[in-house]
Amino acid sequence: MNRRHFLASSGLLGLGIHCGSLARGGSEQETSQNLLGSFSCTENQVAIYTHAQVKPTRIFHITDTHLSLDDERGVKYLEYSKRMANAYKSNRHFQTGEAFSAEESFEQTLDLAIKQEVDFLALTGDIFSFPSRAAVEWALEKLTDTGIPFAYVAGNHDWHYEGMAGSAHQLRDTWCSKHLKPMYQGNKPLYATYDLNGIRFVCIDNSTYEIEPEQLAFFKTHTRNDRPLILLMHIPLYMPGRSLGFGCANPNWGESSDRNFRIERREKWRAGGHTRVTLEFYDEVFNASNLLTVLAGHTHRHTLDIKNGVPQLVSAHNAAGYYLDVNIATLHV
């Protein structure tokens, strides 16, 4: 992606690539209470500065690889996996334009992370096109071989066998606790935290577009202290002017706006729109004084939005080799 395209998609065209201290309220007192200092972004390079004392940390944000490896264990699920098994077989690399498979793109990204001594890998869903045991085992082996700590949160495709009976919540619970279980490294699929270099990575699974009461309660426990947070989710949070891909807490999300339920062979989105819990979570996120950024995927496009001074970074799809190179450091003034 060239610089102009990125700035246009992020809404920063004409504003320069550096975003200074962006306080939620604007007063000096409020600014001093927020741990986010400033951030800058150029193409797929992001720098975030915090008022907290942290060790410089480099993160590769990887999302939407859409691996579809399978073996004989997946034969009984072919009725449900066949459409997505044929997707993302060949992709054009975001930098070179060369053709690569999703597996090659994933491997190349991890190889680069090793070579450049990245500190953490943030995987925000749709790493898999469906919950194949073979794909999970392959990806986990590749991740383990890097020796780099990682966090994983599921996307809507990761657990979805298209056409299989059951609600989204039932199917997610089933396949996250079965085939996807090794990716969670012993942690809960719906929510978890990972600590590194003074930074807390909070994973919240919103792959049904909604937030559960226990997830809201969990997130609240981490916004009441001075530890800097990075929130990892698959579905981007609602931003005015963005598409329904930014579907978590989107006022237009619901049964009447669901256009893909037939091709994805699933139940329609919830009638009546979002729950009160989902909307409360949205407010909690963008009023958290210790939140440095939200990292998400799903849309397959690199975008940046800012709400209440908090940047939401959505990465383009890793199936095309894309990743966000995110650097966190203490702001020295």
Protein backbone atom coordinates (compact mmCIF):
# COMPACT_ATOMS: atom_id res chain seq x y z
CA MET A 1 0.00 0.00 0.00
CA ASN A 2 1.49 3.35 -0.94
CA ARG A 3 1.63 6.26 1.48
CA ARG A 4 -1.19 8.25 -0.14
CA HIS A 5 -3.52 5.24 -0.23
CA PHE A 6 -2.84 4.52 3.43
CA LEU A 7 -3.46 8.08 4.53
CA ALA A 8 -6.66 8.25 2.54
CA SER A 9 -7.96 4.99 4.00
CA SER A 10 -7.03 6.05 7.52
CA GLY A 11 -8.63 9.46 7.30
CA LEU A 12 -5.27 11.19 7.84
CA LEU A 13 -4.71 12.51 4.33
CA GLY A 14 -3.89 16.20 4.57
CA LEU A 15 -3.24 15.98 8.30
CA GLY A 16 0.30 14.60 8.14
CA ILE A 17 1.31 11.21 9.45
CA HIS A 18 1.95 12.24 13.05
CA CYS A 19 -0.85 12.45 15.56
CA GLY A 20 0.18 14.36 18.66
CA SER A 21 -1.12 13.99 22.19
CA LEU A 22 -4.81 13.31 21.74
CA ALA A 23 -6.57 13.64 25.06
CA ARG A 24 -10.17 12.55 25.52
CA GLY A 25 -11.31 15.82 27.00
CA GLY A 26 -8.62 18.25 26.02
CA SER A 27 -7.67 19.78 29.36
CA GLU A 28 -4.16 19.48 30.76
CA GLN A 29 -5.45 17.60 33.77
CA GLU A 30 -7.24 15.02 31.64
CA THR A 31 -4.23 14.66 29.36
CA SER A 32 -1.94 13.83 32.29
CA GLN A 33 -4.31 11.06 33.40
CA ASN A 34 -4.21 9.26 30.05
CA LEU A 35 -1.39 6.81 29.41
CA LEU A 36 -1.45 7.29 25.65
CA GLY A 37 1.02 10.01 24.74
CA SER A 38 1.14 10.16 20.95
CA PHE A 39 1.36 7.92 17.91
CA SER A 40 2.49 8.02 14.31
CA CYS A 41 1.94 5.80 11.30
CA THR A 42 3.43 5.38 7.83
CA GLU A 43 2.28 2.57 5.55
CA ASN A 44 2.33 -0.54 7.79
CA GLN A 45 4.68 0.97 10.39
CA VAL A 46 3.13 2.24 13.63
CA ALA A 47 4.74 3.89 16.65
CA ILE A 48 2.83 4.38 19.90
CA TYR A 49 4.23 6.35 22.81
CA THR A 50 2.96 6.07 26.36
CA HIS A 51 3.44 8.10 29.52
CA ALA A 52 3.90 4.80 31.38
CA GLN A 53 7.32 3.32 31.97
CA VAL A 54 7.55 0.36 29.59
CA LYS A 55 10.34 -1.51 27.88
CA PRO A 56 10.45 -0.75 24.14
CA THR A 57 8.32 -3.45 22.52
CA ARG A 58 7.88 -4.41 18.90
CA ILE A 59 4.70 -6.22 17.86
CA PHE A 60 3.66 -7.86 14.62
CA HIS A 61 -0.10 -7.62 14.30
CA ILE A 62 -1.25 -10.53 12.10
CA THR A 63 -4.84 -11.12 11.08
CA ASP A 64 -6.99 -12.81 8.41
CA THR A 65 -4.45 -15.27 7.02
CA HIS A 66 -7.27 -17.69 6.12
CA LEU A 67 -5.29 -20.93 6.29
CA SER A 68 -7.25 -23.86 4.87
CA LEU A 69 -4.90 -26.81 5.31
CA ASP A 70 -6.79 -30.04 5.97
CA ASP A 71 -6.29 -33.81 6.14
CA GLU A 72 -8.30 -36.99 6.54
CA ARG A 73 -9.69 -35.76 9.86
CA GLY A 74 -11.53 -33.05 7.96
CA VAL A 75 -13.23 -35.35 5.46
CA LYS A 76 -16.39 -35.63 7.57
CA TYR A 77 -16.69 -31.83 7.56
CA LEU A 78 -16.26 -31.30 3.81
CA GLU A 79 -19.92 -30.36 3.41
CA TYR A 80 -19.29 -27.43 5.75
CA SER A 81 -15.76 -26.42 4.75
CA LYS A 82 -15.78 -26.70 0.94
CA ARG A 83 -16.46 -23.04 0.08
CA MET A 84 -13.83 -21.54 2.37
CA ALA A 85 -11.40 -24.36 1.59
CA ASN A 86 -11.20 -22.98 -1.94
CA ALA A 87 -10.71 -19.38 -0.89
CA TYR A 88 -7.38 -17.54 -0.58
CA LYS A 89 -5.43 -20.21 -2.45
CA SER A 90 -3.43 -17.59 -4.32
CA ASN A 91 -2.91 -14.02 -3.16
CA ARG A 92 -0.89 -11.05 -4.37
CA HIS A 93 1.70 -9.90 -1.87
CA PHE A 94 0.94 -6.39 -0.62
CA GLN A 95 4.47 -5.16 -1.34
CA THR A 96 5.77 -7.13 -4.31
CA GLY A 97 2.61 -8.19 -6.13
CA GLU A 98 3.94 -11.74 -6.35
CA ALA A 99 1.53 -14.65 -6.02
CA PHE A 100 1.67 -16.53 -2.72
CA SER A 101 -0.50 -19.03 -0.92
CA ALA A 102 -1.87 -18.13 2.50
CA GLU A 103 0.54 -20.64 4.06
CA GLU A 104 3.52 -19.03 2.35
CA SER A 105 2.41 -15.57 3.45
CA PHE A 106 2.11 -16.72 7.08
CA GLU A 107 5.52 -18.38 7.02
CA GLN A 108 7.17 -15.35 5.46
CA THR A 109 5.67 -13.04 8.06
CA LEU A 110 6.89 -15.25 10.90
CA ASP A 111 10.34 -15.58 9.31
CA LEU A 112 10.55 -11.79 9.16
CA ALA A 113 9.48 -11.55 12.80
CA ILE A 114 12.33 -13.87 13.78
CA LYS A 115 14.88 -12.05 11.66
CA GLN A 116 13.88 -8.65 13.02
CA GLU A 117 13.69 -9.89 16.62
CA VAL A 118 10.06 -8.97 17.19
CA ASP A 119 8.91 -9.18 20.83
CA PHE A 120 5.27 -10.23 20.46
CA LEU A 121 2.82 -11.59 17.88
CA ALA A 122 -0.78 -10.35 18.10
CA LEU A 123 -3.13 -12.63 16.11
CA THR A 124 -6.61 -11.13 15.80
CA GLY A 125 -8.67 -13.79 14.11
CA ASP A 126 -9.52 -15.53 10.85
CA ILE A 127 -6.10 -17.08 10.93
CA PHE A 128 -8.09 -20.08 9.70
CA SER A 129 -10.85 -20.26 7.11
CA PHE A 130 -12.60 -22.97 9.13
CA PRO A 131 -11.63 -24.93 12.27
CA SER A 132 -9.38 -27.56 10.70
CA ARG A 133 -7.26 -29.58 13.13
CA ALA A 134 -4.51 -29.84 10.52
CA ALA A 135 -4.37 -26.06 10.02
CA VAL A 136 -4.34 -25.39 13.76
CA GLU A 137 -1.53 -27.86 14.34
CA TRP A 138 0.49 -26.46 11.44
CA ALA A 139 0.07 -22.85 12.57
CA LEU A 140 0.83 -23.65 16.19
CA GLU A 141 4.03 -25.45 15.19
CA LYS A 142 5.13 -22.46 13.10
CA LEU A 143 4.32 -20.05 15.93
CA THR A 144 6.10 -22.16 18.53
CA ASP A 145 9.18 -22.46 16.33
CA THR A 146 9.57 -18.67 16.31
CA GLY A 147 10.18 -18.62 20.05
CA ILE A 148 8.17 -15.37 20.16
CA PRO A 149 5.30 -14.99 22.66
CA PHE A 150 1.91 -14.68 21.00
CA ALA A 151 -1.75 -14.08 21.74
CA TYR A 152 -4.65 -15.34 19.65
CA VAL A 153 -8.28 -14.30 19.56
CA ALA A 154 -10.76 -15.98 17.21
CA GLY A 155 -12.44 -14.50 14.17
CA ASN A 156 -15.84 -15.43 12.75
CA HIS A 157 -14.37 -17.84 10.19
CA ASP A 158 -12.04 -19.60 12.63
CA TRP A 159 -14.86 -21.51 14.31
CA HIS A 160 -17.48 -21.51 11.54
CA TYR A 161 -18.29 -24.65 9.56
CA GLU A 162 -20.73 -23.20 7.05
CA GLY A 163 -24.18 -24.76 7.12
CA MET A 164 -23.64 -26.63 10.38
CA ALA A 165 -26.64 -26.53 12.69
CA GLY A 166 -26.44 -24.31 15.73
CA SER A 167 -26.33 -20.67 16.72
CA ALA A 168 -23.18 -18.61 16.37
CA HIS A 169 -22.63 -18.77 20.12
CA GLN A 170 -23.09 -22.54 20.20
CA LEU A 171 -20.74 -23.14 17.26
CA ARG A 172 -18.11 -20.81 18.67
CA ASP A 173 -18.21 -22.53 22.06
CA THR A 174 -17.97 -25.95 20.41
CA TRP A 175 -15.05 -25.38 18.06
CA CYS A 176 -13.05 -23.02 20.25
CA SER A 177 -13.08 -25.67 22.97
CA LYS A 178 -12.28 -28.47 20.52
CA HIS A 179 -10.22 -27.85 17.39
CA LEU A 180 -9.03 -24.32 18.23
CA LYS A 181 -8.18 -25.07 21.87
CA PRO A 182 -4.37 -25.34 21.46
CA MET A 183 -4.21 -21.76 20.14
CA TYR A 184 -5.29 -20.39 23.53
CA GLN A 185 -2.27 -21.80 25.38
CA GLY A 186 -4.37 -22.84 28.36
CA ASN A 187 -6.33 -19.57 28.57
CA LYS A 188 -10.04 -18.96 28.16
CA PRO A 189 -11.18 -18.48 24.54
CA LEU A 190 -13.58 -15.61 25.26
CA TYR A 191 -11.14 -13.44 27.17
CA ALA A 192 -7.54 -13.52 28.37
CA THR A 193 -4.55 -11.33 29.14
CA TYR A 194 -0.87 -11.58 28.29
CA ASP A 195 1.75 -9.38 29.99
CA LEU A 196 5.03 -8.34 28.40
CA ASN A 197 7.47 -5.50 29.10
CA GLY A 198 5.02 -3.60 31.28
CA ILE A 199 2.23 -3.82 28.68
CA ARG A 200 -0.95 -5.86 29.10
CA PHE A 201 -2.52 -7.37 26.00
CA VAL A 202 -6.25 -7.95 26.55
CA CYS A 203 -7.99 -10.43 24.22
CA ILE A 204 -11.76 -10.15 23.84
CA ASP A 205 -13.50 -12.49 21.39
CA ASN A 206 -16.19 -10.46 19.62
CA SER A 207 -16.36 -12.77 16.59
CA THR A 208 -20.16 -12.96 16.88
CA TYR A 209 -20.14 -9.12 16.67
CA GLU A 210 -21.35 -9.03 20.27
CA ILE A 211 -19.92 -8.87 23.78
CA GLU A 212 -20.94 -11.21 26.60
CA PRO A 213 -21.56 -9.94 30.17
CA GLU A 214 -18.57 -11.85 31.53
CA GLN A 215 -16.33 -10.25 28.88
CA LEU A 216 -17.49 -6.77 29.85
CA ALA A 217 -16.86 -7.49 33.52
CA PHE A 218 -13.41 -8.88 32.68
CA PHE A 219 -12.45 -5.87 30.60
CA LYS A 220 -13.58 -3.47 33.32
CA THR A 221 -11.22 -5.07 35.82
CA HIS A 222 -8.29 -4.04 33.59
CA THR A 223 -9.30 -0.42 32.97
CA ARG A 224 -9.18 0.57 36.64
CA ASN A 225 -5.40 0.69 37.02
CA ASP A 226 -2.35 2.37 35.51
CA ARG A 227 -1.04 -0.55 33.45
CA PRO A 228 -1.06 0.33 29.71
CA LEU A 229 -3.43 -1.87 27.70
CA ILE A 230 -3.61 -3.01 24.10
CA LEU A 231 -6.98 -4.50 23.14
CA LEU A 232 -7.04 -7.37 20.63
CA MET A 233 -10.31 -8.22 18.85
CA HIS A 234 -11.38 -9.47 15.45
CA ILE A 235 -14.38 -7.29 14.58
CA PRO A 236 -13.52 -3.57 14.58
CA LEU A 237 -15.54 -1.33 16.84
CA TYR A 238 -18.06 0.99 15.21
CA MET A 239 -16.75 4.18 13.66
CA PRO A 240 -19.07 6.74 11.98
CA GLY A 241 -18.79 6.59 8.21
CA ARG A 242 -17.30 3.11 8.15
CA SER A 243 -18.96 0.02 6.69
CA LEU A 244 -20.82 -2.71 8.56
CA GLY A 245 -17.49 -4.51 8.73
CA PHE A 246 -16.96 -2.22 11.72
CA GLY A 247 -19.83 -4.13 13.21
CA CYS A 248 -19.25 -4.32 16.96
CA ALA A 249 -21.62 -1.76 18.55
CA ASN A 250 -22.63 -0.48 15.10
CA PRO A 251 -26.14 1.05 15.33
CA ASN A 252 -26.97 -0.33 11.87
CA TRP A 253 -25.98 -3.92 12.73
CA GLY A 254 -28.78 -6.47 13.03
CA GLU A 255 -31.12 -8.84 11.23
CA SER A 256 -32.37 -6.26 8.73
CA SER A 257 -28.85 -5.33 7.54
CA ASP A 258 -27.40 -8.85 7.27
CA ARG A 259 -26.65 -9.52 3.60
CA ASN A 260 -24.25 -12.49 3.82
CA PHE A 261 -26.10 -15.03 5.93
CA ARG A 262 -27.10 -17.11 2.90
CA ILE A 263 -23.67 -17.42 1.28
CA GLU A 264 -22.09 -18.09 4.69
CA ARG A 265 -24.92 -20.50 5.55
CA ARG A 266 -25.48 -19.25 9.08
CA GLU A 267 -28.17 -17.74 11.24
CA LYS A 268 -29.03 -14.09 10.70
CA TRP A 269 -27.63 -11.45 12.97
CA ARG A 270 -29.64 -10.64 16.08
CA ALA A 271 -33.04 -9.04 15.59
CA GLY A 272 -33.26 -5.66 17.23
CA GLY A 273 -29.56 -4.90 16.97
CA HIS A 274 -26.93 -4.99 19.68
CA THR A 275 -27.40 -5.85 23.31
CA ARG A 276 -26.98 -3.25 26.04
CA VAL A 277 -23.82 -5.09 27.13
CA THR A 278 -22.18 -4.63 23.72
CA LEU A 279 -22.96 -0.91 23.73
CA GLU A 280 -21.68 -0.54 27.30
CA PHE A 281 -18.45 -2.30 26.30
CA TYR A 282 -18.00 0.18 23.46
CA ASP A 283 -18.25 3.09 25.87
CA GLU A 284 -15.92 1.40 28.33
CA VAL A 285 -13.25 0.91 25.66
CA PHE A 286 -13.17 4.50 24.48
CA ASN A 287 -13.21 5.91 27.99
CA ALA A 288 -10.39 3.73 29.31
CA SER A 289 -7.58 6.08 30.31
CA ASN A 290 -4.96 3.30 30.16
CA LEU A 291 -5.81 2.03 26.66
CA LEU A 292 -3.07 2.62 24.08
CA THR A 293 -4.77 1.18 21.00
CA VAL A 294 -7.29 -1.32 19.64
CA LEU A 295 -5.93 -3.86 17.14
CA ALA A 296 -8.51 -5.59 14.91
CA GLY A 297 -8.96 -7.27 11.54
CA HIS A 298 -11.95 -8.65 9.61
CA THR A 299 -12.29 -6.01 6.89
CA HIS A 300 -9.11 -6.97 4.96
CA ARG A 301 -8.24 -3.28 4.67
CA HIS A 302 -5.72 -1.21 6.60
CA THR A 303 -7.51 1.66 8.31
CA LEU A 304 -6.98 3.98 11.25
CA ASP A 305 -9.71 5.73 13.20
CA ILE A 306 -9.47 7.81 16.36
CA LYS A 307 -12.18 8.11 19.00
CA ASN A 308 -11.70 10.00 22.25
CA GLY A 309 -8.01 10.08 21.44
CA VAL A 310 -7.73 6.28 21.16
CA PRO A 311 -6.50 4.88 17.82
CA GLN A 312 -8.21 1.81 16.39
CA LEU A 313 -5.86 0.11 13.93
CA VAL A 314 -7.34 -2.41 11.54
CA SER A 315 -4.82 -4.44 9.59
CA ALA A 316 -5.21 -5.69 6.05
CA HIS A 317 -5.24 -9.45 5.53
CA ASN A 318 -2.15 -11.54 6.11
CA ALA A 319 -3.26 -13.85 3.29
CA ALA A 320 -1.61 -11.17 1.13
CA GLY A 321 1.41 -11.03 3.42
CA TYR A 322 0.20 -7.92 5.25
CA TYR A 323 1.03 -7.23 8.88
CA LEU A 324 1.25 -4.16 11.08
CA ASP A 325 4.65 -3.46 12.60
CA VAL A 326 3.73 -1.79 15.90
CA ASN A 327 6.37 -0.27 18.17
CA ILE A 328 5.56 0.76 21.76
CA ALA A 329 7.85 3.00 23.80
CA THR A 330 7.80 5.42 26.72
CA LEU A 331 7.28 9.04 25.75
CA HIS A 332 10.21 11.17 26.90
CA VAL A 333 9.53 14.91 26.99
